[in-house]
Amino acid sequence: MSQDQSAPPPSPAGQPEGPPSGQAPPKPKPRRRRRWLRRVVWAGVLLVIGLGAMVALGPTIASTSVVRGWVLGQINEQLNGSLQIKEWTFGWDSVELRGVRLLDAKGRVVFEMPTLRTPWSASGV
């Protein structure tokens, strides 16, 4: 019994066979590029955009009734009485408060002012 010379010899068990004769060896898979630098750069860009949006929208956010309620709650916890502000508006160069009332512990008006406008600068805070 003679073996045919054109057939490749059998490979040992557990080892992959090489490429058939006449074909180039398979190209190794390209190395996966590390994407961490790209992700860090994108995270930095998104952080800068987010902070810029917060600064740009700061006066608008500070003017909302939700923020006003929270701030007045914090102030009133420290007072022996209460401070009331019907409306406030924050701008880049001023703060305007309307309907300002300061009440004592018995609910009597201690101070009242229909409108209070004051200049301010965010850089001075």
PDB file of N, CA and C in Angstrom:
ATOM      1  N   MET A   1       0.831  -1.170   0.000  1.00  0.00           N
ATOM      2  CA  MET A   1       0.000   0.000   0.000  1.00  0.00           C
ATOM      3  C   MET A   1       0.873   1.229   0.000  1.00  0.00           C
ATOM      4  N   SER A   2       0.781   1.953  -1.019  1.00  0.00           N
ATOM      5  CA  SER A   2       1.565   3.176  -1.108  1.00  0.00           C
ATOM      6  C   SER A   2       0.654   4.383  -0.944  1.00  0.00           C
ATOM      7  N   GLN A   3       1.209   5.408  -0.337  1.00  0.00           N
ATOM      8  CA  GLN A   3       0.431   6.638  -0.144  1.00  0.00           C
ATOM      9  C   GLN A   3       0.621   7.534  -1.343  1.00  0.00           C
ATOM     10  N   ASP A   4      -0.420   8.269  -1.652  1.00  0.00           N
ATOM     11  CA  ASP A   4      -0.372   9.222  -2.755  1.00  0.00           C
ATOM     12  C   ASP A   4       0.464  10.418  -2.321  1.00  0.00           C
ATOM     13  N   GLN A   5       1.423  10.832  -3.137  1.00  0.00           N
ATOM     14  CA  GLN A   5       2.323  11.915  -2.786  1.00  0.00           C
ATOM     15  C   GLN A   5       1.651  13.281  -2.842  1.00  0.00           C
ATOM     16  N   SER A   6       0.539  13.422  -3.541  1.00  0.00           N
ATOM     17  CA  SER A   6      -0.091  14.736  -3.663  1.00  0.00           C
ATOM     18  C   SER A   6      -0.931  15.082  -2.445  1.00  0.00           C
ATOM     19  N   ALA A   7      -1.318  14.124  -1.663  1.00  0.00           N
ATOM     20  CA  ALA A   7      -2.140  14.403  -0.480  1.00  0.00           C
ATOM     21  C   ALA A   7      -1.232  14.796   0.672  1.00  0.00           C
ATOM     22  N   PRO A   8      -1.597  15.801   1.432  1.00  0.00           N
ATOM     23  CA  PRO A   8      -0.760  16.205   2.562  1.00  0.00           C
ATOM     24  C   PRO A   8      -0.822  15.148   3.652  1.00  0.00           C
ATOM     25  N   PRO A   9       0.234  15.022   4.392  1.00  0.00           N
ATOM     26  CA  PRO A   9       0.230  14.018   5.458  1.00  0.00           C
ATOM     27  C   PRO A   9      -0.786  14.412   6.526  1.00  0.00           C
ATOM     28  N   PRO A  10      -1.356  13.431   7.183  1.00  0.00           N
ATOM     29  CA  PRO A  10      -2.343  13.762   8.216  1.00  0.00           C
ATOM     30  C   PRO A  10      -1.675  14.525   9.357  1.00  0.00           C
ATOM     31  N   SER A  11      -2.418  15.491   9.915  1.00  0.00           N
ATOM     32  CA  SER A  11      -1.862  16.304  11.000  1.00  0.00           C
ATOM     33  C   SER A  11      -2.110  15.611  12.324  1.00  0.00           C
ATOM     34  N   PRO A  12      -1.237  15.837  13.260  1.00  0.00           N
ATOM     35  CA  PRO A  12      -1.443  15.241  14.579  1.00  0.00           C
ATOM     36  C   PRO A  12      -2.728  15.783  15.193  1.00  0.00           C
ATOM     37  N   ALA A  13      -3.334  15.007  16.045  1.00  0.00           N
ATOM     38  CA  ALA A  13      -4.608  15.395  16.657  1.00  0.00           C
ATOM     39  C   ALA A  13      -4.433  16.674  17.465  1.00  0.00           C
ATOM     40  N   GLY A  14      -5.409  17.576  17.338  1.00  0.00           N
ATOM     41  CA  GLY A  14      -5.411  18.813  18.110  1.00  0.00           C
ATOM     42  C   GLY A  14      -4.641  19.947  17.481  1.00  0.00           C
ATOM     43  N   GLN A  15      -3.961  19.733  16.365  1.00  0.00           N
ATOM     44  CA  GLN A  15      -3.227  20.818  15.732  1.00  0.00           C
ATOM     45  C   GLN A  15      -3.906  21.169  14.424  1.00  0.00           C
ATOM     46  N   PRO A  16      -4.039  22.459  14.152  1.00  0.00           N
ATOM     47  CA  PRO A  16      -4.687  22.840  12.895  1.00  0.00           C
ATOM     48  C   PRO A  16      -3.806  22.484  11.715  1.00  0.00           C
ATOM     49  N   GLU A  17      -4.473  22.195  10.632  1.00  0.00           N
ATOM     50  CA  GLU A  17      -3.738  21.890   9.407  1.00  0.00           C
ATOM     51  C   GLU A  17      -3.241  23.185   8.799  1.00  0.00           C
ATOM     52  N   GLY A  18      -2.150  23.138   8.121  1.00  0.00           N
ATOM     53  CA  GLY A  18      -1.619  24.293   7.433  1.00  0.00           C
ATOM     54  C   GLY A  18      -2.414  24.561   6.173  1.00  0.00           C
ATOM     55  N   PRO A  19      -2.092  25.612   5.467  1.00  0.00           N
ATOM     56  CA  PRO A  19      -2.829  25.912   4.247  1.00  0.00           C
ATOM     57  C   PRO A  19      -2.536  24.863   3.196  1.00  0.00           C
ATOM     58  N   PRO A  20      -3.539  24.574   2.385  1.00  0.00           N
ATOM     59  CA  PRO A  20      -3.294  23.635   1.290  1.00  0.00           C
ATOM     60  C   PRO A  20      -2.188  24.174   0.399  1.00  0.00           C
ATOM     61  N   SER A  21      -1.466  23.260  -0.217  1.00  0.00           N
ATOM     62  CA  SER A  21      -0.359  23.698  -1.058  1.00  0.00           C
ATOM     63  C   SER A  21      -0.870  24.549  -2.210  1.00  0.00           C
ATOM     64  N   GLY A  22      -0.105  25.558  -2.555  1.00  0.00           N
ATOM     65  CA  GLY A  22      -0.484  26.438  -3.653  1.00  0.00           C
ATOM     66  C   GLY A  22      -1.234  27.676  -3.172  1.00  0.00           C
ATOM     67  N   GLN A  23      -1.565  27.753  -1.887  1.00  0.00           N
ATOM     68  CA  GLN A  23      -2.256  28.940  -1.368  1.00  0.00           C
ATOM     69  C   GLN A  23      -1.341  29.656  -0.385  1.00  0.00           C
ATOM     70  N   ALA A  24      -1.485  30.968  -0.348  1.00  0.00           N
ATOM     71  CA  ALA A  24      -0.689  31.766   0.579  1.00  0.00           C
ATOM     72  C   ALA A  24      -1.208  31.538   1.997  1.00  0.00           C
ATOM     73  N   PRO A  25      -0.342  31.637   2.958  1.00  0.00           N
ATOM     74  CA  PRO A  25      -0.813  31.474   4.335  1.00  0.00           C
ATOM     75  C   PRO A  25      -1.820  32.581   4.676  1.00  0.00           C
ATOM     76  N   PRO A  26      -2.803  32.281   5.528  1.00  0.00           N
ATOM     77  CA  PRO A  26      -3.805  33.305   5.846  1.00  0.00           C
ATOM     78  C   PRO A  26      -3.158  34.485   6.565  1.00  0.00           C
ATOM     79  N   LYS A  27      -3.682  35.671   6.269  1.00  0.00           N
ATOM     80  CA  LYS A  27      -3.163  36.878   6.908  1.00  0.00           C
ATOM     81  C   LYS A  27      -3.611  36.889   8.367  1.00  0.00           C
ATOM     82  N   PRO A  28      -2.720  37.295   9.252  1.00  0.00           N
ATOM     83  CA  PRO A  28      -3.147  37.371  10.652  1.00  0.00           C
ATOM     84  C   PRO A  28      -4.208  38.468  10.807  1.00  0.00           C
ATOM     85  N   LYS A  29      -5.111  38.255  11.761  1.00  0.00           N
ATOM     86  CA  LYS A  29      -6.168  39.252  11.983  1.00  0.00           C
ATOM     87  C   LYS A  29      -5.524  40.563  12.410  1.00  0.00           C
ATOM     88  N   PRO A  30      -6.029  41.682  11.892  1.00  0.00           N
ATOM     89  CA  PRO A  30      -5.430  42.966  12.284  1.00  0.00           C
ATOM     90  C   PRO A  30      -5.654  43.200  13.777  1.00  0.00           C
ATOM     91  N   ARG A  31      -4.667  43.810  14.407  1.00  0.00           N
ATOM     92  CA  ARG A  31      -4.794  44.100  15.831  1.00  0.00           C
ATOM     93  C   ARG A  31      -5.910  45.103  16.053  1.00  0.00           C
ATOM     94  N   ARG A  32      -6.657  44.854  17.070  1.00  0.00           N
ATOM     95  CA  ARG A  32      -7.741  45.776  17.400  1.00  0.00           C
ATOM     96  C   ARG A  32      -7.118  47.056  17.934  1.00  0.00           C
ATOM     97  N   ARG A  33      -7.507  48.165  17.366  1.00  0.00           N
ATOM     98  CA  ARG A  33      -6.952  49.440  17.789  1.00  0.00           C
ATOM     99  C   ARG A  33      -7.484  49.802  19.164  1.00  0.00           C
ATOM    100  N   ARG A  34      -6.650  50.430  19.914  1.00  0.00           N
ATOM    101  CA  ARG A  34      -7.092  50.884  21.222  1.00  0.00           C
ATOM    102  C   ARG A  34      -7.908  52.154  21.035  1.00  0.00           C
ATOM    103  N   ARG A  35      -9.073  52.132  21.572  1.00  0.00           N
ATOM    104  CA  ARG A  35      -9.982  53.264  21.376  1.00  0.00           C
ATOM    105  C   ARG A  35     -10.095  54.122  22.620  1.00  0.00           C
ATOM    106  N   TRP A  36      -9.307  53.871  23.634  1.00  0.00           N
ATOM    107  CA  TRP A  36      -9.438  54.605  24.878  1.00  0.00           C
ATOM    108  C   TRP A  36      -9.133  56.081  24.688  1.00  0.00           C
ATOM    109  N   LEU A  37      -8.158  56.411  23.856  1.00  0.00           N
ATOM    110  CA  LEU A  37      -7.821  57.816  23.651  1.00  0.00           C
ATOM    111  C   LEU A  37      -8.981  58.546  22.987  1.00  0.00           C
ATOM    112  N   ARG A  38      -9.581  57.922  21.999  1.00  0.00           N
ATOM    113  CA  ARG A  38     -10.730  58.521  21.323  1.00  0.00           C
ATOM    114  C   ARG A  38     -11.877  58.726  22.314  1.00  0.00           C
ATOM    115  N   ARG A  39     -12.099  57.757  23.173  1.00  0.00           N
ATOM    116  CA  ARG A  39     -13.183  57.871  24.161  1.00  0.00           C
ATOM    117  C   ARG A  39     -12.901  58.981  25.167  1.00  0.00           C
ATOM    118  N   VAL A  40     -11.661  59.107  25.584  1.00  0.00           N
ATOM    119  CA  VAL A  40     -11.300  60.169  26.525  1.00  0.00           C
ATOM    120  C   VAL A  40     -11.501  61.536  25.878  1.00  0.00           C
ATOM    121  N   VAL A  41     -11.103  61.672  24.627  1.00  0.00           N
ATOM    122  CA  VAL A  41     -11.282  62.947  23.925  1.00  0.00           C
ATOM    123  C   VAL A  41     -12.766  63.279  23.799  1.00  0.00           C
ATOM    124  N   TRP A  42     -13.586  62.306  23.409  1.00  0.00           N
ATOM    125  CA  TRP A  42     -15.033  62.554  23.289  1.00  0.00           C
ATOM    126  C   TRP A  42     -15.646  62.911  24.639  1.00  0.00           C
ATOM    127  N   ALA A  43     -15.224  62.240  25.691  1.00  0.00           N
ATOM    128  CA  ALA A  43     -15.742  62.561  27.026  1.00  0.00           C
ATOM    129  C   ALA A  43     -15.375  63.990  27.406  1.00  0.00           C
ATOM    130  N   GLY A  44     -14.159  64.406  27.087  1.00  0.00           N
ATOM    131  CA  GLY A  44     -13.738  65.782  27.365  1.00  0.00           C
ATOM    132  C   GLY A  44     -14.542  66.797  26.574  1.00  0.00           C
ATOM    133  N   VAL A  45     -14.782  66.507  25.309  1.00  0.00           N
ATOM    134  CA  VAL A  45     -15.579  67.412  24.469  1.00  0.00           C
ATOM    135  C   VAL A  45     -16.995  67.532  25.018  1.00  0.00           C
ATOM    136  N   LEU A  46     -17.604  66.406  25.374  1.00  0.00           N
ATOM    137  CA  LEU A  46     -18.963  66.442  25.920  1.00  0.00           C
ATOM    138  C   LEU A  46     -19.009  67.171  27.254  1.00  0.00           C
ATOM    139  N   LEU A  47     -17.978  67.028  28.066  1.00  0.00           N
ATOM    140  CA  LEU A  47     -17.925  67.734  29.344  1.00  0.00           C
ATOM    141  C   LEU A  47     -17.855  69.243  29.128  1.00  0.00           C
ATOM    142  N   VAL A  48     -17.017  69.683  28.202  1.00  0.00           N
ATOM    143  CA  VAL A  48     -16.899  71.116  27.914  1.00  0.00           C
ATOM    144  C   VAL A  48     -18.214  71.664  27.370  1.00  0.00           C
ATOM    145  N   ILE A  49     -18.862  70.932  26.476  1.00  0.00           N
ATOM    146  CA  ILE A  49     -20.150  71.376  25.931  1.00  0.00           C
ATOM    147  C   ILE A  49     -21.196  71.448  27.039  1.00  0.00           C
ATOM    148  N   GLY A  50     -21.226  70.445  27.903  1.00  0.00           N
ATOM    149  CA  GLY A  50     -22.191  70.436  29.005  1.00  0.00           C
ATOM    150  C   GLY A  50     -21.978  71.589  29.967  1.00  0.00           C
ATOM    151  N   LEU A  51     -20.723  71.843  30.328  1.00  0.00           N
ATOM    152  CA  LEU A  51     -20.442  72.965  31.222  1.00  0.00           C
ATOM    153  C   LEU A  51     -20.771  74.296  30.558  1.00  0.00           C
ATOM    154  N   GLY A  52     -20.482  74.409  29.277  1.00  0.00           N
ATOM    155  CA  GLY A  52     -20.833  75.637  28.555  1.00  0.00           C
ATOM    156  C   GLY A  52     -22.330  75.870  28.528  1.00  0.00           C
ATOM    157  N   ALA A  53     -23.089  74.805  28.336  1.00  0.00           N
ATOM    158  CA  ALA A  53     -24.548  74.932  28.342  1.00  0.00           C
ATOM    159  C   ALA A  53     -25.052  75.339  29.718  1.00  0.00           C
ATOM    160  N   MET A  54     -24.461  74.784  30.773  1.00  0.00           N
ATOM    161  CA  MET A  54     -24.877  75.152  32.130  1.00  0.00           C
ATOM    162  C   MET A  54     -24.594  76.626  32.406  1.00  0.00           C
ATOM    163  N   VAL A  55     -23.438  77.110  31.966  1.00  0.00           N
ATOM    164  CA  VAL A  55     -23.110  78.520  32.173  1.00  0.00           C
ATOM    165  C   VAL A  55     -24.049  79.400  31.357  1.00  0.00           C
ATOM    166  N   ALA A  56     -24.286  79.028  30.112  1.00  0.00           N
ATOM    167  CA  ALA A  56     -25.157  79.829  29.249  1.00  0.00           C
ATOM    168  C   ALA A  56     -26.588  79.854  29.765  1.00  0.00           C
ATOM    169  N   LEU A  57     -27.047  78.730  30.299  1.00  0.00           N
ATOM    170  CA  LEU A  57     -28.429  78.642  30.783  1.00  0.00           C
ATOM    171  C   LEU A  57     -28.551  78.929  32.277  1.00  0.00           C
ATOM    172  N   GLY A  58     -27.456  79.269  32.931  1.00  0.00           N
ATOM    173  CA  GLY A  58     -27.465  79.514  34.373  1.00  0.00           C
ATOM    174  C   GLY A  58     -28.515  80.503  34.834  1.00  0.00           C
ATOM    175  N   PRO A  59     -28.566  81.712  34.266  1.00  0.00           N
ATOM    176  CA  PRO A  59     -29.589  82.667  34.700  1.00  0.00           C
ATOM    177  C   PRO A  59     -31.013  82.158  34.473  1.00  0.00           C
ATOM    178  N   THR A  60     -31.230  81.459  33.390  1.00  0.00           N
ATOM    179  CA  THR A  60     -32.565  80.917  33.112  1.00  0.00           C
ATOM    180  C   THR A  60     -32.936  79.855  34.139  1.00  0.00           C
ATOM    181  N   ILE A  61     -32.000  78.979  34.449  1.00  0.00           N
ATOM    182  CA  ILE A  61     -32.255  77.930  35.438  1.00  0.00           C
ATOM    183  C   ILE A  61     -32.482  78.543  36.813  1.00  0.00           C
ATOM    184  N   ALA A  62     -31.660  79.538  37.185  1.00  0.00           N
ATOM    185  CA  ALA A  62     -31.787  80.169  38.502  1.00  0.00           C
ATOM    186  C   ALA A  62     -33.094  80.934  38.648  1.00  0.00           C
ATOM    187  N   SER A  63     -33.701  81.338  37.551  1.00  0.00           N
ATOM    188  CA  SER A  63     -34.945  82.109  37.603  1.00  0.00           C
ATOM    189  C   SER A  63     -36.188  81.242  37.762  1.00  0.00           C
ATOM    190  N   THR A  64     -36.062  79.939  37.742  1.00  0.00           N
ATOM    191  CA  THR A  64     -37.240  79.073  37.811  1.00  0.00           C
ATOM    192  C   THR A  64     -37.830  79.042  39.215  1.00  0.00           C
ATOM    193  N   SER A  65     -39.118  78.713  39.279  1.00  0.00           N
ATOM    194  CA  SER A  65     -39.801  78.655  40.573  1.00  0.00           C
ATOM    195  C   SER A  65     -39.271  77.508  41.432  1.00  0.00           C
ATOM    196  N   VAL A  66     -38.772  76.460  40.812  1.00  0.00           N
ATOM    197  CA  VAL A  66     -38.213  75.335  41.570  1.00  0.00           C
ATOM    198  C   VAL A  66     -36.987  75.790  42.355  1.00  0.00           C
ATOM    199  N   VAL A  67     -36.096  76.502  41.694  1.00  0.00           N
ATOM    200  CA  VAL A  67     -34.890  76.999  42.357  1.00  0.00           C
ATOM    201  C   VAL A  67     -35.277  78.022  43.421  1.00  0.00           C
ATOM    202  N   ARG A  68     -36.216  78.908  43.091  1.00  0.00           N
ATOM    203  CA  ARG A  68     -36.663  79.918  44.059  1.00  0.00           C
ATOM    204  C   ARG A  68     -37.213  79.243  45.318  1.00  0.00           C
ATOM    205  N   GLY A  69     -38.045  78.223  45.152  1.00  0.00           N
ATOM    206  CA  GLY A  69     -38.597  77.510  46.300  1.00  0.00           C
ATOM    207  C   GLY A  69     -37.526  76.849  47.149  1.00  0.00           C
ATOM    208  N   TRP A  70     -36.529  76.257  46.491  1.00  0.00           N
ATOM    209  CA  TRP A  70     -35.450  75.609  47.231  1.00  0.00           C
ATOM    210  C   TRP A  70     -34.629  76.633  48.009  1.00  0.00           C
ATOM    211  N   VAL A  71     -34.265  77.746  47.357  1.00  0.00           N
ATOM    212  CA  VAL A  71     -33.454  78.780  48.013  1.00  0.00           C
ATOM    213  C   VAL A  71     -34.220  79.390  49.183  1.00  0.00           C
ATOM    214  N   LEU A  72     -35.488  79.720  48.974  1.00  0.00           N
ATOM    215  CA  LEU A  72     -36.282  80.294  50.066  1.00  0.00           C
ATOM    216  C   LEU A  72     -36.427  79.297  51.218  1.00  0.00           C
ATOM    217  N   GLY A  73     -36.554  78.033  50.920  1.00  0.00           N
ATOM    218  CA  GLY A  73     -36.608  77.015  51.974  1.00  0.00           C
ATOM    219  C   GLY A  73     -35.336  76.994  52.805  1.00  0.00           C
ATOM    220  N   GLN A  74     -34.182  77.093  52.129  1.00  0.00           N
ATOM    221  CA  GLN A  74     -32.905  77.117  52.842  1.00  0.00           C
ATOM    222  C   GLN A  74     -32.780  78.373  53.705  1.00  0.00           C
ATOM    223  N   ILE A  75     -33.209  79.515  53.183  1.00  0.00           N
ATOM    224  CA  ILE A  75     -33.142  80.773  53.938  1.00  0.00           C
ATOM    225  C   ILE A  75     -34.095  80.725  55.124  1.00  0.00           C
ATOM    226  N   ASN A  76     -35.325  80.290  54.900  1.00  0.00           N
ATOM    227  CA  ASN A  76     -36.335  80.293  55.961  1.00  0.00           C
ATOM    228  C   ASN A  76     -36.006  79.331  57.096  1.00  0.00           C
ATOM    229  N   GLU A  77     -35.220  78.301  56.837  1.00  0.00           N
ATOM    230  CA  GLU A  77     -34.771  77.418  57.916  1.00  0.00           C
ATOM    231  C   GLU A  77     -33.877  78.157  58.906  1.00  0.00           C
ATOM    232  N   GLN A  78     -33.207  79.210  58.436  1.00  0.00           N
ATOM    233  CA  GLN A  78     -32.267  79.953  59.274  1.00  0.00           C
ATOM    234  C   GLN A  78     -32.905  81.167  59.954  1.00  0.00           C
ATOM    235  N   LEU A  79     -34.115  81.530  59.560  1.00  0.00           N
ATOM    236  CA  LEU A  79     -34.766  82.738  60.079  1.00  0.00           C
ATOM    237  C   LEU A  79     -35.754  82.412  61.187  1.00  0.00           C
ATOM    238  N   ASN A  80     -35.952  83.394  62.061  1.00  0.00           N
ATOM    239  CA  ASN A  80     -37.023  83.330  63.044  1.00  0.00           C
ATOM    240  C   ASN A  80     -38.195  84.094  62.432  1.00  0.00           C
ATOM    241  N   GLY A  81     -38.781  83.532  61.425  1.00  0.00           N
ATOM    242  CA  GLY A  81     -39.823  84.157  60.628  1.00  0.00           C
ATOM    243  C   GLY A  81     -39.736  83.564  59.236  1.00  0.00           C
ATOM    244  N   SER A  82     -40.109  84.370  58.234  1.00  0.00           N
ATOM    245  CA  SER A  82     -40.000  83.854  56.870  1.00  0.00           C
ATOM    246  C   SER A  82     -39.803  84.981  55.870  1.00  0.00           C
ATOM    247  N   LEU A  83     -39.160  84.636  54.787  1.00  0.00           N
ATOM    248  CA  LEU A  83     -38.941  85.545  53.670  1.00  0.00           C
ATOM    249  C   LEU A  83     -39.799  85.062  52.520  1.00  0.00           C
ATOM    250  N   GLN A  84     -40.509  85.990  51.899  1.00  0.00           N
ATOM    251  CA  GLN A  84     -41.339  85.654  50.742  1.00  0.00           C
ATOM    252  C   GLN A  84     -40.867  86.474  49.547  1.00  0.00           C
ATOM    253  N   ILE A  85     -40.771  85.834  48.413  1.00  0.00           N
ATOM    254  CA  ILE A  85     -40.440  86.515  47.158  1.00  0.00           C
ATOM    255  C   ILE A  85     -41.385  85.948  46.116  1.00  0.00           C
ATOM    256  N   LYS A  86     -42.226  86.804  45.550  1.00  0.00           N
ATOM    257  CA  LYS A  86     -43.203  86.325  44.564  1.00  0.00           C
ATOM    258  C   LYS A  86     -42.534  85.917  43.260  1.00  0.00           C
ATOM    259  N   GLU A  87     -41.549  86.698  42.843  1.00  0.00           N
ATOM    260  CA  GLU A  87     -40.900  86.422  41.552  1.00  0.00           C
ATOM    261  C   GLU A  87     -39.483  86.963  41.589  1.00  0.00           C
ATOM    262  N   TRP A  88     -38.589  86.275  40.896  1.00  0.00           N
ATOM    263  CA  TRP A  88     -37.240  86.812  40.734  1.00  0.00           C
ATOM    264  C   TRP A  88     -36.725  86.502  39.351  1.00  0.00           C
ATOM    265  N   THR A  89     -35.834  87.369  38.905  1.00  0.00           N
ATOM    266  CA  THR A  89     -35.242  87.228  37.581  1.00  0.00           C
ATOM    267  C   THR A  89     -33.741  87.446  37.704  1.00  0.00           C
ATOM    268  N   PHE A  90     -32.985  86.494  37.202  1.00  0.00           N
ATOM    269  CA  PHE A  90     -31.535  86.616  37.185  1.00  0.00           C
ATOM    270  C   PHE A  90     -31.092  86.929  35.771  1.00  0.00           C
ATOM    271  N   GLY A  91     -30.227  87.911  35.645  1.00  0.00           N
ATOM    272  CA  GLY A  91     -29.614  88.231  34.360  1.00  0.00           C
ATOM    273  C   GLY A  91     -28.110  88.134  34.505  1.00  0.00           C
ATOM    274  N   TRP A  92     -27.405  88.458  33.427  1.00  0.00           N
ATOM    275  CA  TRP A  92     -25.951  88.401  33.478  1.00  0.00           C
ATOM    276  C   TRP A  92     -25.367  89.536  34.297  1.00  0.00           C
ATOM    277  N   ASP A  93     -26.123  90.624  34.449  1.00  0.00           N
ATOM    278  CA  ASP A  93     -25.572  91.778  35.159  1.00  0.00           C
ATOM    279  C   ASP A  93     -26.424  92.257  36.326  1.00  0.00           C
ATOM    280  N   SER A  94     -27.577  91.641  36.577  1.00  0.00           N
ATOM    281  CA  SER A  94     -28.423  92.105  37.673  1.00  0.00           C
ATOM    282  C   SER A  94     -29.365  91.004  38.148  1.00  0.00           C
ATOM    283  N   VAL A  95     -29.909  91.240  39.339  1.00  0.00           N
ATOM    284  CA  VAL A  95     -30.936  90.378  39.914  1.00  0.00           C
ATOM    285  C   VAL A  95     -32.107  91.280  40.255  1.00  0.00           C
ATOM    286  N   GLU A  96     -33.307  90.856  39.878  1.00  0.00           N
ATOM    287  CA  GLU A  96     -34.503  91.629  40.203  1.00  0.00           C
ATOM    288  C   GLU A  96     -35.464  90.739  40.988  1.00  0.00           C
ATOM    289  N   LEU A  97     -35.841  91.216  42.177  1.00  0.00           N
ATOM    290  CA  LEU A  97     -36.783  90.514  43.038  1.00  0.00           C
ATOM    291  C   LEU A  97     -38.069  91.326  43.096  1.00  0.00           C
ATOM    292  N   ARG A  98     -39.212  90.663  42.970  1.00  0.00           N
ATOM    293  CA  ARG A  98     -40.505  91.347  43.051  1.00  0.00           C
ATOM    294  C   ARG A  98     -41.353  90.691  44.133  1.00  0.00           C
ATOM    295  N   GLY A  99     -42.073  91.537  44.856  1.00  0.00           N
ATOM    296  CA  GLY A  99     -42.930  91.033  45.931  1.00  0.00           C
ATOM    297  C   GLY A  99     -42.140  90.510  47.112  1.00  0.00           C
ATOM    298  N   VAL A 100     -41.168  91.279  47.585  1.00  0.00           N
ATOM    299  CA  VAL A 100     -40.315  90.857  48.692  1.00  0.00           C
ATOM    300  C   VAL A 100     -40.990  91.220  50.016  1.00  0.00           C
ATOM    301  N   ARG A 101     -41.145  90.227  50.873  1.00  0.00           N
ATOM    302  CA  ARG A 101     -41.732  90.450  52.205  1.00  0.00           C
ATOM    303  C   ARG A 101     -40.957  89.631  53.228  1.00  0.00           C
ATOM    304  N   LEU A 102     -40.658  90.286  54.365  1.00  0.00           N
ATOM    305  CA  LEU A 102     -40.031  89.604  55.485  1.00  0.00           C
ATOM    306  C   LEU A 102     -41.030  89.611  56.633  1.00  0.00           C
ATOM    307  N   LEU A 103     -41.362  88.429  57.127  1.00  0.00           N
ATOM    308  CA  LEU A 103     -42.350  88.283  58.194  1.00  0.00           C
ATOM    309  C   LEU A 103     -41.663  87.788  59.460  1.00  0.00           C
ATOM    310  N   ASP A 104     -42.176  88.246  60.627  1.00  0.00           N
ATOM    311  CA  ASP A 104     -41.637  87.736  61.883  1.00  0.00           C
ATOM    312  C   ASP A 104     -42.274  86.388  62.211  1.00  0.00           C
ATOM    313  N   ALA A 105     -41.933  85.838  63.378  1.00  0.00           N
ATOM    314  CA  ALA A 105     -42.417  84.510  63.760  1.00  0.00           C
ATOM    315  C   ALA A 105     -43.933  84.468  63.910  1.00  0.00           C
ATOM    316  N   LYS A 106     -44.560  85.626  64.196  1.00  0.00           N
ATOM    317  CA  LYS A 106     -46.019  85.675  64.360  1.00  0.00           C
ATOM    318  C   LYS A 106     -46.737  85.973  63.044  1.00  0.00           C
ATOM    319  N   GLY A 107     -45.980  86.137  61.966  1.00  0.00           N
ATOM    320  CA  GLY A 107     -46.580  86.386  60.657  1.00  0.00           C
ATOM    321  C   GLY A 107     -46.818  87.849  60.345  1.00  0.00           C
ATOM    322  N   ARG A 108     -46.281  88.767  61.177  1.00  0.00           N
ATOM    323  CA  ARG A 108     -46.434  90.202  60.926  1.00  0.00           C
ATOM    324  C   ARG A 108     -45.358  90.668  59.950  1.00  0.00           C
ATOM    325  N   VAL A 109     -45.720  91.597  59.094  1.00  0.00           N
ATOM    326  CA  VAL A 109     -44.785  92.120  58.095  1.00  0.00           C
ATOM    327  C   VAL A 109     -43.757  93.006  58.787  1.00  0.00           C
ATOM    328  N   VAL A 110     -42.492  92.662  58.625  1.00  0.00           N
ATOM    329  CA  VAL A 110     -41.386  93.438  59.170  1.00  0.00           C
ATOM    330  C   VAL A 110     -40.812  94.347  58.087  1.00  0.00           C
ATOM    331  N   PHE A 111     -40.772  93.842  56.875  1.00  0.00           N
ATOM    332  CA  PHE A 111     -40.185  94.577  55.748  1.00  0.00           C
ATOM    333  C   PHE A 111     -40.938  94.176  54.496  1.00  0.00           C
ATOM    334  N   GLU A 112     -41.196  95.174  53.654  1.00  0.00           N
ATOM    335  CA  GLU A 112     -41.878  94.887  52.387  1.00  0.00           C
ATOM    336  C   GLU A 112     -41.336  95.820  51.314  1.00  0.00           C
ATOM    337  N   MET A 113     -41.098  95.270  50.153  1.00  0.00           N
ATOM    338  CA  MET A 113     -40.607  96.070  49.030  1.00  0.00           C
ATOM    339  C   MET A 113     -41.197  95.485  47.750  1.00  0.00           C
ATOM    340  N   PRO A 114     -41.863  96.322  46.938  1.00  0.00           N
ATOM    341  CA  PRO A 114     -42.467  95.788  45.713  1.00  0.00           C
ATOM    342  C   PRO A 114     -41.429  95.283  44.707  1.00  0.00           C
ATOM    343  N   THR A 115     -40.319  96.014  44.546  1.00  0.00           N
ATOM    344  CA  THR A 115     -39.281  95.614  43.585  1.00  0.00           C
ATOM    345  C   THR A 115     -37.909  95.944  44.154  1.00  0.00           C
ATOM    346  N   LEU A 116     -37.008  95.009  44.008  1.00  0.00           N
ATOM    347  CA  LEU A 116     -35.626  95.207  44.431  1.00  0.00           C
ATOM    348  C   LEU A 116     -34.739  94.760  43.281  1.00  0.00           C
ATOM    349  N   ARG A 117     -33.921  95.689  42.793  1.00  0.00           N
ATOM    350  CA  ARG A 117     -33.012  95.369  41.693  1.00  0.00           C
ATOM    351  C   ARG A 117     -31.597  95.702  42.131  1.00  0.00           C
ATOM    352  N   THR A 118     -30.708  94.771  41.925  1.00  0.00           N
ATOM    353  CA  THR A 118     -29.323  94.981  42.336  1.00  0.00           C
ATOM    354  C   THR A 118     -28.367  94.487  41.252  1.00  0.00           C
ATOM    355  N   PRO A 119     -27.303  95.236  40.995  1.00  0.00           N
ATOM    356  CA  PRO A 119     -26.306  94.747  40.030  1.00  0.00           C
ATOM    357  C   PRO A 119     -25.464  93.650  40.680  1.00  0.00           C
ATOM    358  N   TRP A 120     -24.987  92.739  39.857  1.00  0.00           N
ATOM    359  CA  TRP A 120     -24.105  91.689  40.343  1.00  0.00           C
ATOM    360  C   TRP A 120     -23.300  91.145  39.190  1.00  0.00           C
ATOM    361  N   SER A 121     -22.237  90.480  39.532  1.00  0.00           N
ATOM    362  CA  SER A 121     -21.389  89.863  38.521  1.00  0.00           C
ATOM    363  C   SER A 121     -21.081  88.440  38.958  1.00  0.00           C
ATOM    364  N   ALA A 122     -21.266  87.506  38.065  1.00  0.00           N
ATOM    365  CA  ALA A 122     -20.990  86.107  38.386  1.00  0.00           C
ATOM    366  C   ALA A 122     -19.505  85.894  38.674  1.00  0.00           C
ATOM    367  N   SER A 123     -18.651  86.714  38.102  1.00  0.00           N
ATOM    368  CA  SER A 123     -17.218  86.556  38.340  1.00  0.00           C
ATOM    369  C   SER A 123     -16.836  86.967  39.753  1.00  0.00           C
ATOM    370  N   GLY A 124     -17.664  87.783  40.411  1.00  0.00           N
ATOM    371  CA  GLY A 124     -17.379  88.204  41.776  1.00  0.00           C
ATOM    372  C   GLY A 124     -17.842  87.208  42.814  1.00  0.00           C
ATOM    373  N   VAL A 125     -18.570  86.184  42.385  1.00  0.00           N
ATOM    374  CA  VAL A 125     -19.120  85.222  43.343  1.00  0.00           C
ATOM    375  C   VAL A 125     -18.090  84.233  43.763  1.00  0.00           C
TER     376      VAL A 125
END
